[in-house]
């Protein structure tokens, strides 16, 4: 997991996305959600809240919470 305040880059975000997917598959939803929230925060800050990738991450995060 990424430490609080650690700067993320695009490659790290891709790796975190893969890690979150593995955690979901393993049934570790809470850990996956924490990672997805970090990814979303990075995308909002670096791509903007209206960017399609940010929107996709946001919708996916809502789907995780609904389960």
PDB file of N, CA and C in Angstrom:
ATOM      1  N   UNK A   1       0.836  -1.186   0.000  1.00  0.00           N
ATOM      2  CA  UNK A   1       0.000   0.000   0.000  1.00  0.00           C
ATOM      3  C   UNK A   1       0.879   1.247   0.000  1.00  0.00           C
ATOM      4  N   UNK A   2       0.391   2.302  -0.613  1.00  0.00           N
ATOM      5  CA  UNK A   2       1.130   3.554  -0.691  1.00  0.00           C
ATOM      6  C   UNK A   2       1.007   4.294   0.637  1.00  0.00           C
ATOM      7  N   UNK A   3       2.128   4.856   1.086  1.00  0.00           N
ATOM      8  CA  UNK A   3       2.118   5.616   2.325  1.00  0.00           C
ATOM      9  C   UNK A   3       1.387   6.926   2.129  1.00  0.00           C
ATOM     10  N   UNK A   4       0.781   7.407   3.210  1.00  0.00           N
ATOM     11  CA  UNK A   4       0.061   8.681   3.181  1.00  0.00           C
ATOM     12  C   UNK A   4       0.995   9.782   2.706  1.00  0.00           C
ATOM     13  N   UNK A   5       0.543  10.563   1.747  1.00  0.00           N
ATOM     14  CA  UNK A   5       1.309  11.702   1.273  1.00  0.00           C
ATOM     15  C   UNK A   5       2.355  11.354   0.219  1.00  0.00           C
ATOM     16  N   UNK A   6       2.517  10.076  -0.086  1.00  0.00           N
ATOM     17  CA  UNK A   6       3.506   9.693  -1.092  1.00  0.00           C
ATOM     18  C   UNK A   6       3.027  10.137  -2.465  1.00  0.00           C
ATOM     19  N   UNK A   7       3.951  10.672  -3.238  1.00  0.00           N
ATOM     20  CA  UNK A   7       3.599  11.124  -4.587  1.00  0.00           C
ATOM     21  C   UNK A   7       3.432   9.903  -5.492  1.00  0.00           C
ATOM     22  N   UNK A   8       2.399   9.927  -6.292  1.00  0.00           N
ATOM     23  CA  UNK A   8       2.148   8.846  -7.237  1.00  0.00           C
ATOM     24  C   UNK A   8       2.457   9.329  -8.642  1.00  0.00           C
ATOM     25  N   UNK A   9       2.938   8.435  -9.458  1.00  0.00           N
ATOM     26  CA  UNK A   9       3.128   8.702 -10.871  1.00  0.00           C
ATOM     27  C   UNK A   9       2.205   7.789 -11.652  1.00  0.00           C
ATOM     28  N   UNK A  10       2.105   8.020 -12.936  1.00  0.00           N
ATOM     29  CA  UNK A  10       1.197   7.240 -13.778  1.00  0.00           C
ATOM     30  C   UNK A  10       1.513   5.748 -13.729  1.00  0.00           C
ATOM     31  N   UNK A  11       2.783   5.385 -13.744  1.00  0.00           N
ATOM     32  CA  UNK A  11       3.154   3.965 -13.695  1.00  0.00           C
ATOM     33  C   UNK A  11       2.779   3.344 -12.356  1.00  0.00           C
ATOM     34  N   UNK A  12       2.977   4.087 -11.287  1.00  0.00           N
ATOM     35  CA  UNK A  12       2.613   3.577  -9.956  1.00  0.00           C
ATOM     36  C   UNK A  12       1.104   3.404  -9.862  1.00  0.00           C
ATOM     37  N   UNK A  13       0.355   4.310 -10.456  1.00  0.00           N
ATOM     38  CA  UNK A  13      -1.102   4.205 -10.452  1.00  0.00           C
ATOM     39  C   UNK A  13      -1.534   2.934 -11.185  1.00  0.00           C
ATOM     40  N   UNK A  14      -0.884   2.619 -12.304  1.00  0.00           N
ATOM     41  CA  UNK A  14      -1.207   1.386 -13.034  1.00  0.00           C
ATOM     42  C   UNK A  14      -0.936   0.161 -12.174  1.00  0.00           C
ATOM     43  N   UNK A  15       0.188   0.176 -11.440  1.00  0.00           N
ATOM     44  CA  UNK A  15       0.523  -0.948 -10.573  1.00  0.00           C
ATOM     45  C   UNK A  15      -0.481  -1.067  -9.434  1.00  0.00           C
ATOM     46  N   UNK A  16      -0.865   0.056  -8.868  1.00  0.00           N
ATOM     47  CA  UNK A  16      -1.855   0.042  -7.781  1.00  0.00           C
ATOM     48  C   UNK A  16      -3.196  -0.496  -8.269  1.00  0.00           C
ATOM     49  N   UNK A  17      -3.552  -0.147  -9.497  1.00  0.00           N
ATOM     50  CA  UNK A  17      -4.798  -0.648 -10.068  1.00  0.00           C
ATOM     51  C   UNK A  17      -4.766  -2.173 -10.163  1.00  0.00           C
ATOM     52  N   UNK A  18      -3.639  -2.702 -10.605  1.00  0.00           N
ATOM     53  CA  UNK A  18      -3.484  -4.166 -10.692  1.00  0.00           C
ATOM     54  C   UNK A  18      -3.523  -4.791  -9.298  1.00  0.00           C
ATOM     55  N   UNK A  19      -2.882  -4.140  -8.335  1.00  0.00           N
ATOM     56  CA  UNK A  19      -2.901  -4.637  -6.959  1.00  0.00           C
ATOM     57  C   UNK A  19      -4.324  -4.660  -6.402  1.00  0.00           C
ATOM     58  N   UNK A  20      -5.077  -3.600  -6.673  1.00  0.00           N
ATOM     59  CA  UNK A  20      -6.458  -3.524  -6.179  1.00  0.00           C
ATOM     60  C   UNK A  20      -7.302  -4.645  -6.787  1.00  0.00           C
ATOM     61  N   UNK A  21      -7.088  -4.919  -8.062  1.00  0.00           N
ATOM     62  CA  UNK A  21      -7.827  -5.992  -8.726  1.00  0.00           C
ATOM     63  C   UNK A  21      -7.536  -7.337  -8.073  1.00  0.00           C
ATOM     64  N   UNK A  22      -6.271  -7.589  -7.769  1.00  0.00           N
ATOM     65  CA  UNK A  22      -5.888  -8.840  -7.104  1.00  0.00           C
ATOM     66  C   UNK A  22      -6.517  -8.941  -5.711  1.00  0.00           C
ATOM     67  N   UNK A  23      -6.540  -7.833  -5.002  1.00  0.00           N
ATOM     68  CA  UNK A  23      -7.152  -7.831  -3.672  1.00  0.00           C
ATOM     69  C   UNK A  23      -8.646  -8.121  -3.752  1.00  0.00           C
ATOM     70  N   UNK A  24      -9.309  -7.543  -4.741  1.00  0.00           N
ATOM     71  CA  UNK A  24     -10.740  -7.818  -4.929  1.00  0.00           C
ATOM     72  C   UNK A  24     -10.972  -9.299  -5.205  1.00  0.00           C
ATOM     73  N   UNK A  25     -10.147  -9.858  -6.076  1.00  0.00           N
ATOM     74  CA  UNK A  25     -10.279 -11.271  -6.402  1.00  0.00           C
ATOM     75  C   UNK A  25     -10.055 -12.154  -5.180  1.00  0.00           C
ATOM     76  N   UNK A  26      -9.235 -11.677  -4.248  1.00  0.00           N
ATOM     77  CA  UNK A  26      -8.939 -12.424  -3.028  1.00  0.00           C
ATOM     78  C   UNK A  26      -9.966 -12.159  -1.926  1.00  0.00           C
ATOM     79  N   UNK A  27     -10.962 -11.324  -2.235  1.00  0.00           N
ATOM     80  CA  UNK A  27     -11.997 -11.025  -1.252  1.00  0.00           C
ATOM     81  C   UNK A  27     -11.592  -9.996  -0.209  1.00  0.00           C
ATOM     82  N   UNK A  28     -10.535  -9.249  -0.477  1.00  0.00           N
ATOM     83  CA  UNK A  28     -10.043  -8.227   0.453  1.00  0.00           C
ATOM     84  C   UNK A  28     -10.539  -6.857   0.000  1.00  0.00           C
ATOM     85  N   UNK A  29     -11.861  -6.707   0.058  1.00  0.00           N
ATOM     86  CA  UNK A  29     -12.505  -5.506  -0.472  1.00  0.00           C
ATOM     87  C   UNK A  29     -12.055  -4.227   0.218  1.00  0.00           C
ATOM     88  N   UNK A  30     -11.948  -4.236   1.534  1.00  0.00           N
ATOM     89  CA  UNK A  30     -11.582  -3.012   2.255  1.00  0.00           C
ATOM     90  C   UNK A  30     -10.199  -2.518   1.837  1.00  0.00           C
ATOM     91  N   UNK A  31      -9.262  -3.436   1.671  1.00  0.00           N
ATOM     92  CA  UNK A  31      -7.916  -3.054   1.245  1.00  0.00           C
ATOM     93  C   UNK A  31      -7.937  -2.521  -0.186  1.00  0.00           C
ATOM     94  N   UNK A  32      -8.717  -3.158  -1.040  1.00  0.00           N
ATOM     95  CA  UNK A  32      -8.824  -2.717  -2.432  1.00  0.00           C
ATOM     96  C   UNK A  32      -9.437  -1.322  -2.513  1.00  0.00           C
ATOM     97  N   UNK A  33     -10.479  -1.078  -1.734  1.00  0.00           N
ATOM     98  CA  UNK A  33     -11.132   0.232  -1.747  1.00  0.00           C
ATOM     99  C   UNK A  33     -10.161   1.325  -1.335  1.00  0.00           C
ATOM    100  N   UNK A  34      -9.339   1.058  -0.325  1.00  0.00           N
ATOM    101  CA  UNK A  34      -8.360   2.056   0.117  1.00  0.00           C
ATOM    102  C   UNK A  34      -7.410   2.422  -1.022  1.00  0.00           C
ATOM    103  N   UNK A  35      -6.984   1.435  -1.792  1.00  0.00           N
ATOM    104  CA  UNK A  35      -6.094   1.694  -2.922  1.00  0.00           C
ATOM    105  C   UNK A  35      -6.821   2.456  -4.020  1.00  0.00           C
ATOM    106  N   UNK A  36      -8.043   2.043  -4.321  1.00  0.00           N
ATOM    107  CA  UNK A  36      -8.820   2.705  -5.370  1.00  0.00           C
ATOM    108  C   UNK A  36      -9.073   4.171  -5.006  1.00  0.00           C
ATOM    109  N   UNK A  37      -9.281   4.453  -3.740  1.00  0.00           N
ATOM    110  CA  UNK A  37      -9.470   5.848  -3.321  1.00  0.00           C
ATOM    111  C   UNK A  37      -8.211   6.667  -3.557  1.00  0.00           C
ATOM    112  N   UNK A  38      -7.035   6.070  -3.359  1.00  0.00           N
ATOM    113  CA  UNK A  38      -5.777   6.769  -3.643  1.00  0.00           C
ATOM    114  C   UNK A  38      -5.637   7.032  -5.142  1.00  0.00           C
ATOM    115  N   UNK A  39      -6.008   6.047  -5.931  1.00  0.00           N
ATOM    116  CA  UNK A  39      -5.945   6.205  -7.390  1.00  0.00           C
ATOM    117  C   UNK A  39      -6.881   7.325  -7.837  1.00  0.00           C
ATOM    118  N   UNK A  40      -8.085   7.329  -7.302  1.00  0.00           N
ATOM    119  CA  UNK A  40      -9.059   8.366  -7.648  1.00  0.00           C
ATOM    120  C   UNK A  40      -8.542   9.752  -7.278  1.00  0.00           C
ATOM    121  N   UNK A  41      -7.965   9.888  -6.104  1.00  0.00           N
ATOM    122  CA  UNK A  41      -7.428  11.182  -5.687  1.00  0.00           C
ATOM    123  C   UNK A  41      -6.329  11.645  -6.634  1.00  0.00           C
ATOM    124  N   UNK A  42      -5.456  10.711  -7.058  1.00  0.00           N
ATOM    125  CA  UNK A  42      -4.397  11.067  -8.002  1.00  0.00           C
ATOM    126  C   UNK A  42      -4.991  11.524  -9.323  1.00  0.00           C
ATOM    127  N   UNK A  43      -5.977  10.766  -9.829  1.00  0.00           N
ATOM    128  CA  UNK A  43      -6.586  11.121 -11.117  1.00  0.00           C
ATOM    129  C   UNK A  43      -7.301  12.462 -11.047  1.00  0.00           C
ATOM    130  N   UNK A  44      -7.991  12.732  -9.943  1.00  0.00           N
ATOM    131  CA  UNK A  44      -8.661  14.028  -9.804  1.00  0.00           C
ATOM    132  C   UNK A  44      -7.648  15.158  -9.821  1.00  0.00           C
ATOM    133  N   UNK A  45      -6.530  14.975  -9.133  1.00  0.00           N
ATOM    134  CA  UNK A  45      -5.518  16.023  -9.034  1.00  0.00           C
ATOM    135  C   UNK A  45      -4.733  16.200 -10.330  1.00  0.00           C
ATOM    136  N   UNK A  46      -4.475  15.104 -11.046  1.00  0.00           N
ATOM    137  CA  UNK A  46      -3.602  15.170 -12.212  1.00  0.00           C
ATOM    138  C   UNK A  46      -4.321  15.209 -13.552  1.00  0.00           C
ATOM    139  N   UNK A  47      -5.507  14.641 -13.616  1.00  0.00           N
ATOM    140  CA  UNK A  47      -6.262  14.633 -14.865  1.00  0.00           C
ATOM    141  C   UNK A  47      -7.456  15.577 -14.829  1.00  0.00           C
ATOM    142  N   UNK A  48      -7.898  15.889 -13.640  1.00  0.00           N
ATOM    143  CA  UNK A  48      -9.066  16.745 -13.467  1.00  0.00           C
ATOM    144  C   UNK A  48     -10.312  15.919 -13.194  1.00  0.00           C
ATOM    145  N   UNK A  49     -11.263  16.492 -12.476  1.00  0.00           N
ATOM    146  CA  UNK A  49     -12.460  15.750 -12.084  1.00  0.00           C
ATOM    147  C   UNK A  49     -13.381  15.387 -13.245  1.00  0.00           C
ATOM    148  N   UNK A  50     -13.256  16.079 -14.382  1.00  0.00           N
ATOM    149  CA  UNK A  50     -14.131  15.825 -15.524  1.00  0.00           C
ATOM    150  C   UNK A  50     -13.523  14.861 -16.542  1.00  0.00           C
ATOM    151  N   UNK A  51     -12.291  14.449 -16.336  1.00  0.00           N
ATOM    152  CA  UNK A  51     -11.614  13.554 -17.272  1.00  0.00           C
ATOM    153  C   UNK A  51     -12.304  12.185 -17.268  1.00  0.00           C
ATOM    154  N   UNK A  52     -12.438  11.545 -18.434  1.00  0.00           N
ATOM    155  CA  UNK A  52     -13.110  10.236 -18.501  1.00  0.00           C
ATOM    156  C   UNK A  52     -12.487   9.170 -17.595  1.00  0.00           C
ATOM    157  N   UNK A  53     -11.170   9.161 -17.457  1.00  0.00           N
ATOM    158  CA  UNK A  53     -10.524   8.181 -16.578  1.00  0.00           C
ATOM    159  C   UNK A  53     -10.887   8.422 -15.118  1.00  0.00           C
ATOM    160  N   UNK A  54     -10.999   9.684 -14.739  1.00  0.00           N
ATOM    161  CA  UNK A  54     -11.392  10.011 -13.374  1.00  0.00           C
ATOM    162  C   UNK A  54     -12.821   9.570 -13.132  1.00  0.00           C
ATOM    163  N   UNK A  55     -13.681   9.849 -14.096  1.00  0.00           N
ATOM    164  CA  UNK A  55     -15.091   9.460 -13.965  1.00  0.00           C
ATOM    165  C   UNK A  55     -15.223   7.944 -13.871  1.00  0.00           C
ATOM    166  N   UNK A  56     -14.465   7.225 -14.679  1.00  0.00           N
ATOM    167  CA  UNK A  56     -14.517   5.758 -14.671  1.00  0.00           C
ATOM    168  C   UNK A  56     -14.091   5.218 -13.302  1.00  0.00           C
ATOM    169  N   UNK A  57     -13.033   5.786 -12.751  1.00  0.00           N
ATOM    170  CA  UNK A  57     -12.539   5.361 -11.431  1.00  0.00           C
ATOM    171  C   UNK A  57     -13.570   5.667 -10.356  1.00  0.00           C
ATOM    172  N   UNK A  58     -14.186   6.839 -10.456  1.00  0.00           N
ATOM    173  CA  UNK A  58     -15.193   7.233  -9.477  1.00  0.00           C
ATOM    174  C   UNK A  58     -16.387   6.292  -9.507  1.00  0.00           C
ATOM    175  N   UNK A  59     -16.857   5.961 -10.690  1.00  0.00           N
ATOM    176  CA  UNK A  59     -17.991   5.043 -10.810  1.00  0.00           C
ATOM    177  C   UNK A  59     -17.625   3.651 -10.320  1.00  0.00           C
ATOM    178  N   UNK A  60     -16.416   3.210 -10.628  1.00  0.00           N
ATOM    179  CA  UNK A  60     -15.968   1.908 -10.152  1.00  0.00           C
ATOM    180  C   UNK A  60     -15.887   1.862  -8.645  1.00  0.00           C
ATOM    181  N   UNK A  61     -15.437   2.948  -8.051  1.00  0.00           N
ATOM    182  CA  UNK A  61     -15.330   3.032  -6.597  1.00  0.00           C
ATOM    183  C   UNK A  61     -16.720   2.974  -5.969  1.00  0.00           C
ATOM    184  N   UNK A  62     -17.676   3.636  -6.557  1.00  0.00           N
ATOM    185  CA  UNK A  62     -19.047   3.572  -6.049  1.00  0.00           C
ATOM    186  C   UNK A  62     -19.604   2.158  -6.134  1.00  0.00           C
ATOM    187  N   UNK A  63     -19.254   1.464  -7.213  1.00  0.00           N
ATOM    188  CA  UNK A  63     -19.679   0.079  -7.372  1.00  0.00           C
ATOM    189  C   UNK A  63     -19.093  -0.814  -6.301  1.00  0.00           C
ATOM    190  N   UNK A  64     -17.844  -0.571  -5.929  1.00  0.00           N
ATOM    191  CA  UNK A  64     -17.220  -1.357  -4.866  1.00  0.00           C
ATOM    192  C   UNK A  64     -17.947  -1.160  -3.553  1.00  0.00           C
ATOM    193  N   UNK A  65     -18.298   0.071  -3.262  1.00  0.00           N
ATOM    194  CA  UNK A  65     -18.960   0.375  -1.998  1.00  0.00           C
ATOM    195  C   UNK A  65     -20.388  -0.178  -1.945  1.00  0.00           C
ATOM    196  N   UNK A  66     -21.016  -0.340  -3.104  1.00  0.00           N
ATOM    197  CA  UNK A  66     -22.397  -0.809  -3.147  1.00  0.00           C
ATOM    198  C   UNK A  66     -22.487  -2.305  -2.867  1.00  0.00           C
ATOM    199  N   UNK A  67     -21.398  -3.034  -3.086  1.00  0.00           N
ATOM    200  CA  UNK A  67     -21.435  -4.494  -2.883  1.00  0.00           C
ATOM    201  C   UNK A  67     -21.569  -4.879  -1.439  1.00  0.00           C
TER     202      UNK A  67
END
